Amino acid sequence: MSRNSEPRPTMTIDFKKNRIRIYKKTFHSIDNPEYILLLINPEEQSMVILRSDRSDLRAHRFPKIRFESKQSFEITSKSLVRKLFDMCNDWEDKCLYHVHGEVISSEGVVKFNLAESVQAYGTRG
């Protein structure tokens, strides 16, 4: 069965506020894990969100209760956002980019190709 009718997993990278916003549908696409890992591959210009568990000290915890009234979860990290910015030469500072992901269900992964990002807005005023 095709998953084309389902919403695509999405994240937003905001260089002005040094944050990554991961949308609910992204978590739904990998069965709503409580813990995830963010993995970066500079050579491929990609980032992966991987299901994880509490035993991995690198994992980020996303309690389900926090999603009841929100459509996304935010991670604020200047060092992570700067690392992503350095990987993509055509990105502009102080901008916001949307990136759609590809679900690899069998591995509990959403892979984002950062080179396929779409700029949402530029520097204002």
PDB file of N, CA and C in Angstrom:
ATOM      1  N   MET A   1       0.836  -1.189   0.000  1.00  0.00           N
ATOM      2  CA  MET A   1       0.000   0.000   0.000  1.00  0.00           C
ATOM      3  C   MET A   1       0.876   1.245   0.000  1.00  0.00           C
ATOM      4  N   SER A   2       0.521   2.232  -0.771  1.00  0.00           N
ATOM      5  CA  SER A   2       1.296   3.466  -0.887  1.00  0.00           C
ATOM      6  C   SER A   2       1.039   4.379   0.299  1.00  0.00           C
ATOM      7  N   ARG A   3       2.106   5.054   0.738  1.00  0.00           N
ATOM      8  CA  ARG A   3       1.978   5.993   1.849  1.00  0.00           C
ATOM      9  C   ARG A   3       1.954   7.427   1.341  1.00  0.00           C
ATOM     10  N   ASN A   4       1.753   7.617   0.022  1.00  0.00           N
ATOM     11  CA  ASN A   4       1.785   8.953  -0.559  1.00  0.00           C
ATOM     12  C   ASN A   4       0.714   9.874  -0.008  1.00  0.00           C
ATOM     13  N   SER A   5      -0.416   9.336   0.469  1.00  0.00           N
ATOM     14  CA  SER A   5      -1.491  10.164   0.985  1.00  0.00           C
ATOM     15  C   SER A   5      -1.232  10.621   2.416  1.00  0.00           C
ATOM     16  N   GLU A   6      -0.283  10.005   3.089  1.00  0.00           N
ATOM     17  CA  GLU A   6       0.036  10.377   4.459  1.00  0.00           C
ATOM     18  C   GLU A   6       0.943  11.602   4.469  1.00  0.00           C
ATOM     19  N   PRO A   7       0.810  12.448   5.516  1.00  0.00           N
ATOM     20  CA  PRO A   7       1.688  13.616   5.597  1.00  0.00           C
ATOM     21  C   PRO A   7       3.152  13.191   5.720  1.00  0.00           C
ATOM     22  N   ARG A   8       4.029  13.917   5.054  1.00  0.00           N
ATOM     23  CA  ARG A   8       5.450  13.598   5.106  1.00  0.00           C
ATOM     24  C   ARG A   8       6.051  14.081   6.425  1.00  0.00           C
ATOM     25  N   PRO A   9       6.966  13.303   6.994  1.00  0.00           N
ATOM     26  CA  PRO A   9       7.668  13.768   8.191  1.00  0.00           C
ATOM     27  C   PRO A   9       8.416  15.060   7.855  1.00  0.00           C
ATOM     28  N   THR A  10       8.381  15.997   8.782  1.00  0.00           N
ATOM     29  CA  THR A  10       8.969  17.304   8.526  1.00  0.00           C
ATOM     30  C   THR A  10       9.705  17.811   9.756  1.00  0.00           C
ATOM     31  N   MET A  11      10.765  18.567   9.499  1.00  0.00           N
ATOM     32  CA  MET A  11      11.417  19.330  10.562  1.00  0.00           C
ATOM     33  C   MET A  11      11.757  20.705   9.999  1.00  0.00           C
ATOM     34  N   THR A  12      11.934  21.652  10.889  1.00  0.00           N
ATOM     35  CA  THR A  12      12.298  23.011  10.520  1.00  0.00           C
ATOM     36  C   THR A  12      13.572  23.368  11.271  1.00  0.00           C
ATOM     37  N   ILE A  13      14.507  23.973  10.545  1.00  0.00           N
ATOM     38  CA  ILE A  13      15.755  24.430  11.150  1.00  0.00           C
ATOM     39  C   ILE A  13      15.737  25.948  11.102  1.00  0.00           C
ATOM     40  N   ASP A  14      15.831  26.566  12.272  1.00  0.00           N
ATOM     41  CA  ASP A  14      15.736  28.017  12.396  1.00  0.00           C
ATOM     42  C   ASP A  14      17.082  28.555  12.868  1.00  0.00           C
ATOM     43  N   PHE A  15      17.826  29.187  11.947  1.00  0.00           N
ATOM     44  CA  PHE A  15      19.159  29.687  12.283  1.00  0.00           C
ATOM     45  C   PHE A  15      19.107  30.959  13.119  1.00  0.00           C
ATOM     46  N   LYS A  16      18.037  31.700  13.025  1.00  0.00           N
ATOM     47  CA  LYS A  16      17.911  32.922  13.817  1.00  0.00           C
ATOM     48  C   LYS A  16      17.734  32.600  15.299  1.00  0.00           C
ATOM     49  N   LYS A  17      16.988  31.540  15.588  1.00  0.00           N
ATOM     50  CA  LYS A  17      16.699  31.173  16.986  1.00  0.00           C
ATOM     51  C   LYS A  17      17.478  29.944  17.447  1.00  0.00           C
ATOM     52  N   ASN A  18      18.364  29.417  16.574  1.00  0.00           N
ATOM     53  CA  ASN A  18      19.195  28.246  16.910  1.00  0.00           C
ATOM     54  C   ASN A  18      18.358  27.078  17.413  1.00  0.00           C
ATOM     55  N   ARG A  19      17.322  26.735  16.641  1.00  0.00           N
ATOM     56  CA  ARG A  19      16.457  25.645  17.079  1.00  0.00           C
ATOM     57  C   ARG A  19      16.059  24.754  15.911  1.00  0.00           C
ATOM     58  N   ILE A  20      15.750  23.527  16.291  1.00  0.00           N
ATOM     59  CA  ILE A  20      15.205  22.549  15.359  1.00  0.00           C
ATOM     60  C   ILE A  20      13.822  22.199  15.876  1.00  0.00           C
ATOM     61  N   ARG A  21      12.835  22.312  15.003  1.00  0.00           N
ATOM     62  CA  ARG A  21      11.457  21.961  15.366  1.00  0.00           C
ATOM     63  C   ARG A  21      11.116  20.670  14.633  1.00  0.00           C
ATOM     64  N   ILE A  22      10.761  19.655  15.401  1.00  0.00           N
ATOM     65  CA  ILE A  22      10.375  18.363  14.841  1.00  0.00           C
ATOM     66  C   ILE A  22       8.865  18.221  15.040  1.00  0.00           C
ATOM     67  N   TYR A  23       8.163  17.999  13.941  1.00  0.00           N
ATOM     68  CA  TYR A  23       6.705  17.968  13.985  1.00  0.00           C
ATOM     69  C   TYR A  23       6.171  16.603  14.407  1.00  0.00           C
ATOM     70  N   LYS A  24       4.981  16.649  14.982  1.00  0.00           N
ATOM     71  CA  LYS A  24       4.313  15.455  15.504  1.00  0.00           C
ATOM     72  C   LYS A  24       4.257  14.324  14.488  1.00  0.00           C
ATOM     73  N   LYS A  25       3.946  14.654  13.244  1.00  0.00           N
ATOM     74  CA  LYS A  25       3.810  13.612  12.220  1.00  0.00           C
ATOM     75  C   LYS A  25       5.126  12.858  12.011  1.00  0.00           C
ATOM     76  N   THR A  26       6.251  13.517  12.310  1.00  0.00           N
ATOM     77  CA  THR A  26       7.548  12.846  12.205  1.00  0.00           C
ATOM     78  C   THR A  26       7.653  11.757  13.268  1.00  0.00           C
ATOM     79  N   PHE A  27       7.241  12.067  14.490  1.00  0.00           N
ATOM     80  CA  PHE A  27       7.254  11.071  15.555  1.00  0.00           C
ATOM     81  C   PHE A  27       6.251   9.952  15.273  1.00  0.00           C
ATOM     82  N   HIS A  28       5.074  10.321  14.751  1.00  0.00           N
ATOM     83  CA  HIS A  28       4.065   9.309  14.418  1.00  0.00           C
ATOM     84  C   HIS A  28       4.601   8.319  13.387  1.00  0.00           C
ATOM     85  N   SER A  29       5.410   8.810  12.455  1.00  0.00           N
ATOM     86  CA  SER A  29       5.903   7.956  11.371  1.00  0.00           C
ATOM     87  C   SER A  29       6.856   6.860  11.864  1.00  0.00           C
ATOM     88  N   ILE A  30       7.421   7.030  13.061  1.00  0.00           N
ATOM     89  CA  ILE A  30       8.289   5.983  13.637  1.00  0.00           C
ATOM     90  C   ILE A  30       7.721   5.489  14.970  1.00  0.00           C
ATOM     91  N   ASP A  31       6.395   5.459  15.045  1.00  0.00           N
ATOM     92  CA  ASP A  31       5.638   4.877  16.161  1.00  0.00           C
ATOM     93  C   ASP A  31       5.834   5.586  17.500  1.00  0.00           C
ATOM     94  N   ASN A  32       5.933   6.901  17.465  1.00  0.00           N
ATOM     95  CA  ASN A  32       5.936   7.732  18.672  1.00  0.00           C
ATOM     96  C   ASN A  32       6.915   7.294  19.760  1.00  0.00           C
ATOM     97  N   PRO A  33       8.189   7.237  19.448  1.00  0.00           N
ATOM     98  CA  PRO A  33       9.147   6.809  20.468  1.00  0.00           C
ATOM     99  C   PRO A  33       9.272   7.840  21.587  1.00  0.00           C
ATOM    100  N   GLU A  34       9.584   7.377  22.773  1.00  0.00           N
ATOM    101  CA  GLU A  34       9.815   8.289  23.891  1.00  0.00           C
ATOM    102  C   GLU A  34      11.233   8.848  23.846  1.00  0.00           C
ATOM    103  N   TYR A  35      12.144   8.098  23.217  1.00  0.00           N
ATOM    104  CA  TYR A  35      13.534   8.532  23.088  1.00  0.00           C
ATOM    105  C   TYR A  35      13.949   8.475  21.626  1.00  0.00           C
ATOM    106  N   ILE A  36      14.738   9.481  21.199  1.00  0.00           N
ATOM    107  CA  ILE A  36      15.277   9.481  19.842  1.00  0.00           C
ATOM    108  C   ILE A  36      16.750   9.885  19.870  1.00  0.00           C
ATOM    109  N   LEU A  37      17.448   9.505  18.813  1.00  0.00           N
ATOM    110  CA  LEU A  37      18.808   9.973  18.558  1.00  0.00           C
ATOM    111  C   LEU A  37      18.785  10.833  17.314  1.00  0.00           C
ATOM    112  N   LEU A  38      19.571  11.893  17.308  1.00  0.00           N
ATOM    113  CA  LEU A  38      19.774  12.713  16.125  1.00  0.00           C
ATOM    114  C   LEU A  38      21.169  12.409  15.616  1.00  0.00           C
ATOM    115  N   LEU A  39      21.258  11.889  14.404  1.00  0.00           N
ATOM    116  CA  LEU A  39      22.539  11.508  13.813  1.00  0.00           C
ATOM    117  C   LEU A  39      22.771  12.324  12.555  1.00  0.00           C
ATOM    118  N   ILE A  40      23.982  12.849  12.402  1.00  0.00           N
ATOM    119  CA  ILE A  40      24.329  13.704  11.266  1.00  0.00           C
ATOM    120  C   ILE A  40      25.384  13.022  10.418  1.00  0.00           C
ATOM    121  N   ASN A  41      25.188  13.084   9.087  1.00  0.00           N
ATOM    122  CA  ASN A  41      26.174  12.576   8.149  1.00  0.00           C
ATOM    123  C   ASN A  41      26.602  13.743   7.249  1.00  0.00           C
ATOM    124  N   PRO A  42      27.753  14.375   7.561  1.00  0.00           N
ATOM    125  CA  PRO A  42      28.191  15.535   6.769  1.00  0.00           C
ATOM    126  C   PRO A  42      28.448  15.215   5.304  1.00  0.00           C
ATOM    127  N   GLU A  43      28.959  14.023   4.999  1.00  0.00           N
ATOM    128  CA  GLU A  43      29.257  13.669   3.612  1.00  0.00           C
ATOM    129  C   GLU A  43      27.993  13.609   2.763  1.00  0.00           C
ATOM    130  N   GLU A  44      26.912  13.097   3.313  1.00  0.00           N
ATOM    131  CA  GLU A  44      25.640  12.993   2.589  1.00  0.00           C
ATOM    132  C   GLU A  44      24.764  14.222   2.772  1.00  0.00           C
ATOM    133  N   GLN A  45      25.166  15.142   3.604  1.00  0.00           N
ATOM    134  CA  GLN A  45      24.347  16.286   3.991  1.00  0.00           C
ATOM    135  C   GLN A  45      22.978  15.806   4.468  1.00  0.00           C
ATOM    136  N   SER A  46      23.010  14.892   5.426  1.00  0.00           N
ATOM    137  CA  SER A  46      21.753  14.343   5.924  1.00  0.00           C
ATOM    138  C   SER A  46      21.731  14.301   7.445  1.00  0.00           C
ATOM    139  N   MET A  47      20.524  14.232   7.955  1.00  0.00           N
ATOM    140  CA  MET A  47      20.297  14.053   9.385  1.00  0.00           C
ATOM    141  C   MET A  47      19.240  12.970   9.542  1.00  0.00           C
ATOM    142  N   VAL A  48      19.450  12.114  10.525  1.00  0.00           N
ATOM    143  CA  VAL A  48      18.538  11.003  10.771  1.00  0.00           C
ATOM    144  C   VAL A  48      17.969  11.133  12.174  1.00  0.00           C
ATOM    145  N   ILE A  49      16.681  10.870  12.296  1.00  0.00           N
ATOM    146  CA  ILE A  49      16.038  10.725  13.598  1.00  0.00           C
ATOM    147  C   ILE A  49      15.776   9.238  13.763  1.00  0.00           C
ATOM    148  N   LEU A  50      16.340   8.681  14.811  1.00  0.00           N
ATOM    149  CA  LEU A  50      16.316   7.242  15.054  1.00  0.00           C
ATOM    150  C   LEU A  50      15.637   6.939  16.378  1.00  0.00           C
ATOM    151  N   ARG A  51      14.714   5.989  16.360  1.00  0.00           N
ATOM    152  CA  ARG A  51      14.107   5.518  17.614  1.00  0.00           C
ATOM    153  C   ARG A  51      15.202   5.022  18.535  1.00  0.00           C
ATOM    154  N   SER A  52      15.075   5.332  19.814  1.00  0.00           N
ATOM    155  CA  SER A  52      16.080   4.891  20.782  1.00  0.00           C
ATOM    156  C   SER A  52      15.381   4.527  22.088  1.00  0.00           C
ATOM    157  N   ASP A  53      16.169   4.358  23.137  1.00  0.00           N
ATOM    158  CA  ASP A  53      15.604   4.074  24.450  1.00  0.00           C
ATOM    159  C   ASP A  53      16.447   4.744  25.525  1.00  0.00           C
ATOM    160  N   ARG A  54      16.023   4.619  26.742  1.00  0.00           N
ATOM    161  CA  ARG A  54      16.654   5.326  27.852  1.00  0.00           C
ATOM    162  C   ARG A  54      18.069   4.852  28.149  1.00  0.00           C
ATOM    163  N   SER A  55      18.472   3.698  27.642  1.00  0.00           N
ATOM    164  CA  SER A  55      19.811   3.181  27.924  1.00  0.00           C
ATOM    165  C   SER A  55      20.904   3.955  27.181  1.00  0.00           C
ATOM    166  N   ASP A  56      20.543   4.676  26.119  1.00  0.00           N
ATOM    167  CA  ASP A  56      21.522   5.447  25.357  1.00  0.00           C
ATOM    168  C   ASP A  56      21.595   6.865  25.935  1.00  0.00           C
ATOM    169  N   LEU A  57      22.725   7.215  26.480  1.00  0.00           N
ATOM    170  CA  LEU A  57      22.889   8.519  27.121  1.00  0.00           C
ATOM    171  C   LEU A  57      22.840   9.688  26.139  1.00  0.00           C
ATOM    172  N   ARG A  58      22.974   9.414  24.846  1.00  0.00           N
ATOM    173  CA  ARG A  58      22.898  10.464  23.831  1.00  0.00           C
ATOM    174  C   ARG A  58      21.467  10.752  23.388  1.00  0.00           C
ATOM    175  N   ALA A  59      20.532   9.940  23.820  1.00  0.00           N
ATOM    176  CA  ALA A  59      19.142  10.055  23.368  1.00  0.00           C
ATOM    177  C   ALA A  59      18.438  11.253  23.999  1.00  0.00           C
ATOM    178  N   HIS A  60      17.538  11.847  23.213  1.00  0.00           N
ATOM    179  CA  HIS A  60      16.670  12.916  23.689  1.00  0.00           C
ATOM    180  C   HIS A  60      15.338  12.285  24.091  1.00  0.00           C
ATOM    181  N   ARG A  61      14.792  12.711  25.222  1.00  0.00           N
ATOM    182  CA  ARG A  61      13.524  12.156  25.706  1.00  0.00           C
ATOM    183  C   ARG A  61      12.376  13.073  25.286  1.00  0.00           C
ATOM    184  N   PHE A  62      11.311  12.459  24.781  1.00  0.00           N
ATOM    185  CA  PHE A  62      10.123  13.183  24.343  1.00  0.00           C
ATOM    186  C   PHE A  62       8.884  12.568  24.997  1.00  0.00           C
ATOM    187  N   PRO A  63       8.583  12.979  26.223  1.00  0.00           N
ATOM    188  CA  PRO A  63       7.402  12.423  26.890  1.00  0.00           C
ATOM    189  C   PRO A  63       6.128  12.734  26.103  1.00  0.00           C
ATOM    190  N   LYS A  64       5.270  11.762  25.940  1.00  0.00           N
ATOM    191  CA  LYS A  64       4.044  11.917  25.152  1.00  0.00           C
ATOM    192  C   LYS A  64       3.141  13.012  25.691  1.00  0.00           C
ATOM    193  N   ILE A  65       3.167  13.224  26.986  1.00  0.00           N
ATOM    194  CA  ILE A  65       2.316  14.250  27.598  1.00  0.00           C
ATOM    195  C   ILE A  65       2.613  15.641  27.011  1.00  0.00           C
ATOM    196  N   ARG A  66       3.841  15.877  26.579  1.00  0.00           N
ATOM    197  CA  ARG A  66       4.224  17.187  26.041  1.00  0.00           C
ATOM    198  C   ARG A  66       3.618  17.425  24.669  1.00  0.00           C
ATOM    199  N   PHE A  67       3.160  16.390  24.001  1.00  0.00           N
ATOM    200  CA  PHE A  67       2.584  16.537  22.666  1.00  0.00           C
ATOM    201  C   PHE A  67       1.069  16.700  22.685  1.00  0.00           C
ATOM    202  N   GLU A  68       0.451  16.561  23.825  1.00  0.00           N
ATOM    203  CA  GLU A  68      -1.004  16.607  23.857  1.00  0.00           C
ATOM    204  C   GLU A  68      -1.571  17.914  23.317  1.00  0.00           C
ATOM    205  N   SER A  69      -0.907  19.023  23.598  1.00  0.00           N
ATOM    206  CA  SER A  69      -1.434  20.316  23.155  1.00  0.00           C
ATOM    207  C   SER A  69      -0.534  21.006  22.128  1.00  0.00           C
ATOM    208  N   LYS A  70       0.499  20.320  21.650  1.00  0.00           N
ATOM    209  CA  LYS A  70       1.435  20.941  20.718  1.00  0.00           C
ATOM    210  C   LYS A  70       1.521  20.137  19.430  1.00  0.00           C
ATOM    211  N   GLN A  71       1.917  20.818  18.363  1.00  0.00           N
ATOM    212  CA  GLN A  71       2.076  20.168  17.068  1.00  0.00           C
ATOM    213  C   GLN A  71       3.528  19.826  16.773  1.00  0.00           C
ATOM    214  N   SER A  72       4.445  20.296  17.645  1.00  0.00           N
ATOM    215  CA  SER A  72       5.858  20.051  17.397  1.00  0.00           C
ATOM    216  C   SER A  72       6.631  20.052  18.709  1.00  0.00           C
ATOM    217  N   PHE A  73       7.873  19.627  18.608  1.00  0.00           N
ATOM    218  CA  PHE A  73       8.787  19.644  19.739  1.00  0.00           C
ATOM    219  C   PHE A  73      10.038  20.386  19.295  1.00  0.00           C
ATOM    220  N   GLU A  74      10.563  21.255  20.148  1.00  0.00           N
ATOM    221  CA  GLU A  74      11.713  22.066  19.774  1.00  0.00           C
ATOM    222  C   GLU A  74      12.964  21.654  20.538  1.00  0.00           C
ATOM    223  N   ILE A  75      14.069  21.646  19.810  1.00  0.00           N
ATOM    224  CA  ILE A  75      15.383  21.435  20.407  1.00  0.00           C
ATOM    225  C   ILE A  75      16.176  22.698  20.127  1.00  0.00           C
ATOM    226  N   THR A  76      16.639  23.355  21.167  1.00  0.00           N
ATOM    227  CA  THR A  76      17.456  24.547  21.001  1.00  0.00           C
ATOM    228  C   THR A  76      18.902  24.177  21.285  1.00  0.00           C
ATOM    229  N   SER A  77      19.734  24.339  20.270  1.00  0.00           N
ATOM    230  CA  SER A  77      21.156  23.998  20.397  1.00  0.00           C
ATOM    231  C   SER A  77      21.948  24.782  19.359  1.00  0.00           C
ATOM    232  N   LYS A  78      22.647  25.795  19.819  1.00  0.00           N
ATOM    233  CA  LYS A  78      23.437  26.607  18.894  1.00  0.00           C
ATOM    234  C   LYS A  78      24.504  25.766  18.205  1.00  0.00           C
ATOM    235  N   SER A  79      25.168  24.877  18.940  1.00  0.00           N
ATOM    236  CA  SER A  79      26.243  24.077  18.338  1.00  0.00           C
ATOM    237  C   SER A  79      25.703  23.115  17.278  1.00  0.00           C
ATOM    238  N   LEU A  80      24.556  22.479  17.515  1.00  0.00           N
ATOM    239  CA  LEU A  80      23.971  21.570  16.537  1.00  0.00           C
ATOM    240  C   LEU A  80      23.513  22.329  15.292  1.00  0.00           C
ATOM    241  N   VAL A  81      22.837  23.435  15.487  1.00  0.00           N
ATOM    242  CA  VAL A  81      22.342  24.221  14.355  1.00  0.00           C
ATOM    243  C   VAL A  81      23.509  24.772  13.536  1.00  0.00           C
ATOM    244  N   ARG A  82      24.575  25.223  14.191  1.00  0.00           N
ATOM    245  CA  ARG A  82      25.761  25.718  13.472  1.00  0.00           C
ATOM    246  C   ARG A  82      26.436  24.601  12.688  1.00  0.00           C
ATOM    247  N   LYS A  83      26.456  23.396  13.248  1.00  0.00           N
ATOM    248  CA  LYS A  83      27.035  22.243  12.542  1.00  0.00           C
ATOM    249  C   LYS A  83      26.239  21.981  11.259  1.00  0.00           C
ATOM    250  N   LEU A  84      24.938  22.026  11.344  1.00  0.00           N
ATOM    251  CA  LEU A  84      24.094  21.828  10.162  1.00  0.00           C
ATOM    252  C   LEU A  84      24.323  22.942   9.146  1.00  0.00           C
ATOM    253  N   PHE A  85      24.439  24.175   9.619  1.00  0.00           N
ATOM    254  CA  PHE A  85      24.671  25.311   8.731  1.00  0.00           C
ATOM    255  C   PHE A  85      26.000  25.153   7.980  1.00  0.00           C
ATOM    256  N   ASP A  86      27.028  24.717   8.678  1.00  0.00           N
ATOM    257  CA  ASP A  86      28.345  24.527   8.063  1.00  0.00           C
ATOM    258  C   ASP A  86      28.342  23.427   7.001  1.00  0.00           C
ATOM    259  N   MET A  87      27.434  22.471   7.119  1.00  0.00           N
ATOM    260  CA  MET A  87      27.346  21.370   6.160  1.00  0.00           C
ATOM    261  C   MET A  87      26.741  21.792   4.823  1.00  0.00           C
ATOM    262  N   CYS A  88      25.888  22.788   4.838  1.00  0.00           N
ATOM    263  CA  CYS A  88      25.133  23.163   3.641  1.00  0.00           C
ATOM    264  C   CYS A  88      25.562  24.545   3.175  1.00  0.00           C
ATOM    265  N   ASN A  89      26.379  24.585   2.152  1.00  0.00           N
ATOM    266  CA  ASN A  89      26.975  25.836   1.682  1.00  0.00           C
ATOM    267  C   ASN A  89      25.978  26.837   1.123  1.00  0.00           C
ATOM    268  N   ASP A  90      24.832  26.388   0.642  1.00  0.00           N
ATOM    269  CA  ASP A  90      23.884  27.317   0.023  1.00  0.00           C
ATOM    270  C   ASP A  90      22.867  27.893   1.004  1.00  0.00           C
ATOM    271  N   TRP A  91      22.936  27.498   2.284  1.00  0.00           N
ATOM    272  CA  TRP A  91      22.021  28.061   3.273  1.00  0.00           C
ATOM    273  C   TRP A  91      22.459  29.462   3.659  1.00  0.00           C
ATOM    274  N   GLU A  92      21.485  30.292   4.011  1.00  0.00           N
ATOM    275  CA  GLU A  92      21.751  31.656   4.441  1.00  0.00           C
ATOM    276  C   GLU A  92      21.518  31.768   5.947  1.00  0.00           C
ATOM    277  N   ASP A  93      22.377  32.525   6.590  1.00  0.00           N
ATOM    278  CA  ASP A  93      22.253  32.751   8.025  1.00  0.00           C
ATOM    279  C   ASP A  93      20.979  33.541   8.321  1.00  0.00           C
ATOM    280  N   LYS A  94      20.441  33.378   9.498  1.00  0.00           N
ATOM    281  CA  LYS A  94      19.235  34.075   9.966  1.00  0.00           C
ATOM    282  C   LYS A  94      17.990  33.672   9.191  1.00  0.00           C
ATOM    283  N   CYS A  95      18.015  32.518   8.537  1.00  0.00           N
ATOM    284  CA  CYS A  95      16.857  32.036   7.777  1.00  0.00           C
ATOM    285  C   CYS A  95      16.282  30.781   8.433  1.00  0.00           C
ATOM    286  N   LEU A  96      15.119  30.410   7.967  1.00  0.00           N
ATOM    287  CA  LEU A  96      14.428  29.224   8.439  1.00  0.00           C
ATOM    288  C   LEU A  96      14.231  28.292   7.247  1.00  0.00           C
ATOM    289  N   TYR A  97      14.505  27.002   7.449  1.00  0.00           N
ATOM    290  CA  TYR A  97      14.404  26.014   6.370  1.00  0.00           C
ATOM    291  C   TYR A  97      13.511  24.855   6.796  1.00  0.00           C
ATOM    292  N   HIS A  98      12.633  24.436   5.891  1.00  0.00           N
ATOM    293  CA  HIS A  98      11.817  23.242   6.079  1.00  0.00           C
ATOM    294  C   HIS A  98      12.496  22.094   5.343  1.00  0.00           C
ATOM    295  N   VAL A  99      12.514  20.926   5.982  1.00  0.00           N
ATOM    296  CA  VAL A  99      13.089  19.738   5.360  1.00  0.00           C
ATOM    297  C   VAL A  99      12.097  18.596   5.537  1.00  0.00           C
ATOM    298  N   HIS A 100      11.762  17.916   4.430  1.00  0.00           N
ATOM    299  CA  HIS A 100      10.893  16.744   4.486  1.00  0.00           C
ATOM    300  C   HIS A 100      11.758  15.499   4.559  1.00  0.00           C
ATOM    301  N   GLY A 101      11.255  14.504   5.279  1.00  0.00           N
ATOM    302  CA  GLY A 101      12.022  13.286   5.474  1.00  0.00           C
ATOM    303  C   GLY A 101      11.438  12.082   4.771  1.00  0.00           C
ATOM    304  N   GLU A 102      12.251  11.050   4.754  1.00  0.00           N
ATOM    305  CA  GLU A 102      11.860   9.759   4.197  1.00  0.00           C
ATOM    306  C   GLU A 102      11.850   8.753   5.346  1.00  0.00           C
ATOM    307  N   VAL A 103      10.755   8.036   5.490  1.00  0.00           N
ATOM    308  CA  VAL A 103      10.626   7.055   6.569  1.00  0.00           C
ATOM    309  C   VAL A 103      11.203   5.718   6.125  1.00  0.00           C
ATOM    310  N   ILE A 104      12.032   5.154   6.987  1.00  0.00           N
ATOM    311  CA  ILE A 104      12.539   3.797   6.803  1.00  0.00           C
ATOM    312  C   ILE A 104      11.995   3.006   7.993  1.00  0.00           C
ATOM    313  N   SER A 105      10.755   2.538   7.855  1.00  0.00           N
ATOM    314  CA  SER A 105      10.009   1.928   8.957  1.00  0.00           C
ATOM    315  C   SER A 105      10.727   0.749   9.591  1.00  0.00           C
ATOM    316  N   SER A 106      11.315  -0.103   8.759  1.00  0.00           N
ATOM    317  CA  SER A 106      11.959  -1.312   9.282  1.00  0.00           C
ATOM    318  C   SER A 106      13.110  -0.997  10.227  1.00  0.00           C
ATOM    319  N   GLU A 107      13.657   0.210  10.125  1.00  0.00           N
ATOM    320  CA  GLU A 107      14.779   0.593  10.984  1.00  0.00           C
ATOM    321  C   GLU A 107      14.392   1.639  12.024  1.00  0.00           C
ATOM    322  N   GLY A 108      13.135   2.071  12.032  1.00  0.00           N
ATOM    323  CA  GLY A 108      12.696   3.092  12.972  1.00  0.00           C
ATOM    324  C   GLY A 108      13.404   4.413  12.760  1.00  0.00           C
ATOM    325  N   VAL A 109      13.532   4.796  11.488  1.00  0.00           N
ATOM    326  CA  VAL A 109      14.339   5.957  11.111  1.00  0.00           C
ATOM    327  C   VAL A 109      13.552   6.895  10.203  1.00  0.00           C
ATOM    328  N   VAL A 110      13.800   8.194  10.383  1.00  0.00           N
ATOM    329  CA  VAL A 110      13.388   9.194   9.406  1.00  0.00           C
ATOM    330  C   VAL A 110      14.669   9.875   8.951  1.00  0.00           C
ATOM    331  N   LYS A 111      14.912   9.861   7.639  1.00  0.00           N
ATOM    332  CA  LYS A 111      16.125  10.452   7.075  1.00  0.00           C
ATOM    333  C   LYS A 111      15.762  11.738   6.356  1.00  0.00           C
ATOM    334  N   PHE A 112      16.489  12.807   6.689  1.00  0.00           N
ATOM    335  CA  PHE A 112      16.281  14.115   6.086  1.00  0.00           C
ATOM    336  C   PHE A 112      17.483  14.463   5.220  1.00  0.00           C
ATOM    337  N   ASN A 113      17.245  14.720   3.942  1.00  0.00           N
ATOM    338  CA  ASN A 113      18.290  15.167   3.035  1.00  0.00           C
ATOM    339  C   ASN A 113      18.309  16.691   3.110  1.00  0.00           C
ATOM    340  N   LEU A 114      19.312  17.241   3.792  1.00  0.00           N
ATOM    341  CA  LEU A 114      19.364  18.682   4.028  1.00  0.00           C
ATOM    342  C   LEU A 114      19.549  19.487   2.750  1.00  0.00           C
ATOM    343  N   ALA A 115      20.143  18.872   1.733  1.00  0.00           N
ATOM    344  CA  ALA A 115      20.327  19.559   0.451  1.00  0.00           C
ATOM    345  C   ALA A 115      18.993  19.823  -0.247  1.00  0.00           C
ATOM    346  N   GLU A 116      17.934  19.140   0.164  1.00  0.00           N
ATOM    347  CA  GLU A 116      16.609  19.324  -0.431  1.00  0.00           C
ATOM    348  C   GLU A 116      15.707  20.225   0.414  1.00  0.00           C
ATOM    349  N   SER A 117      16.310  21.000   1.299  1.00  0.00           N
ATOM    350  CA  SER A 117      15.530  21.891   2.153  1.00  0.00           C
ATOM    351  C   SER A 117      14.929  23.040   1.345  1.00  0.00           C
ATOM    352  N   VAL A 118      13.893  23.656   1.904  1.00  0.00           N
ATOM    353  CA  VAL A 118      13.220  24.780   1.276  1.00  0.00           C
ATOM    354  C   VAL A 118      13.271  25.959   2.239  1.00  0.00           C
ATOM    355  N   GLN A 119      13.786  27.087   1.760  1.00  0.00           N
ATOM    356  CA  GLN A 119      13.871  28.279   2.601  1.00  0.00           C
ATOM    357  C   GLN A 119      12.478  28.835   2.842  1.00  0.00           C
ATOM    358  N   ALA A 120      12.146  29.107   4.092  1.00  0.00           N
ATOM    359  CA  ALA A 120      10.812  29.605   4.434  1.00  0.00           C
ATOM    360  C   ALA A 120      10.770  31.125   4.464  1.00  0.00           C
ATOM    361  N   TYR A 121      11.850  31.781   4.897  1.00  0.00           N
ATOM    362  CA  TYR A 121      11.911  33.241   4.873  1.00  0.00           C
ATOM    363  C   TYR A 121      13.348  33.685   4.991  1.00  0.00           C
ATOM    364  N   GLY A 122      13.598  34.930   4.637  1.00  0.00           N
ATOM    365  CA  GLY A 122      14.950  35.488   4.708  1.00  0.00           C
ATOM    366  C   GLY A 122      15.071  36.469   5.864  1.00  0.00           C
ATOM    367  N   THR A 123      16.210  37.124   5.918  1.00  0.00           N
ATOM    368  CA  THR A 123      16.456  38.127   6.945  1.00  0.00           C
ATOM    369  C   THR A 123      15.478  39.270   6.757  1.00  0.00           C
ATOM    370  N   ARG A 124      14.900  39.704   7.858  1.00  0.00           N
ATOM    371  CA  ARG A 124      13.924  40.785   7.785  1.00  0.00           C
ATOM    372  C   ARG A 124      14.451  42.030   8.494  1.00  0.00           C
ATOM    373  N   GLY A 125      14.090  43.141   7.900  1.00  0.00           N
ATOM    374  CA  GLY A 125      14.301  44.458   8.422  1.00  0.00           C
ATOM    375  C   GLY A 125      15.543  44.756   9.032  1.00  0.00           C
TER     376      GLY A 125
END
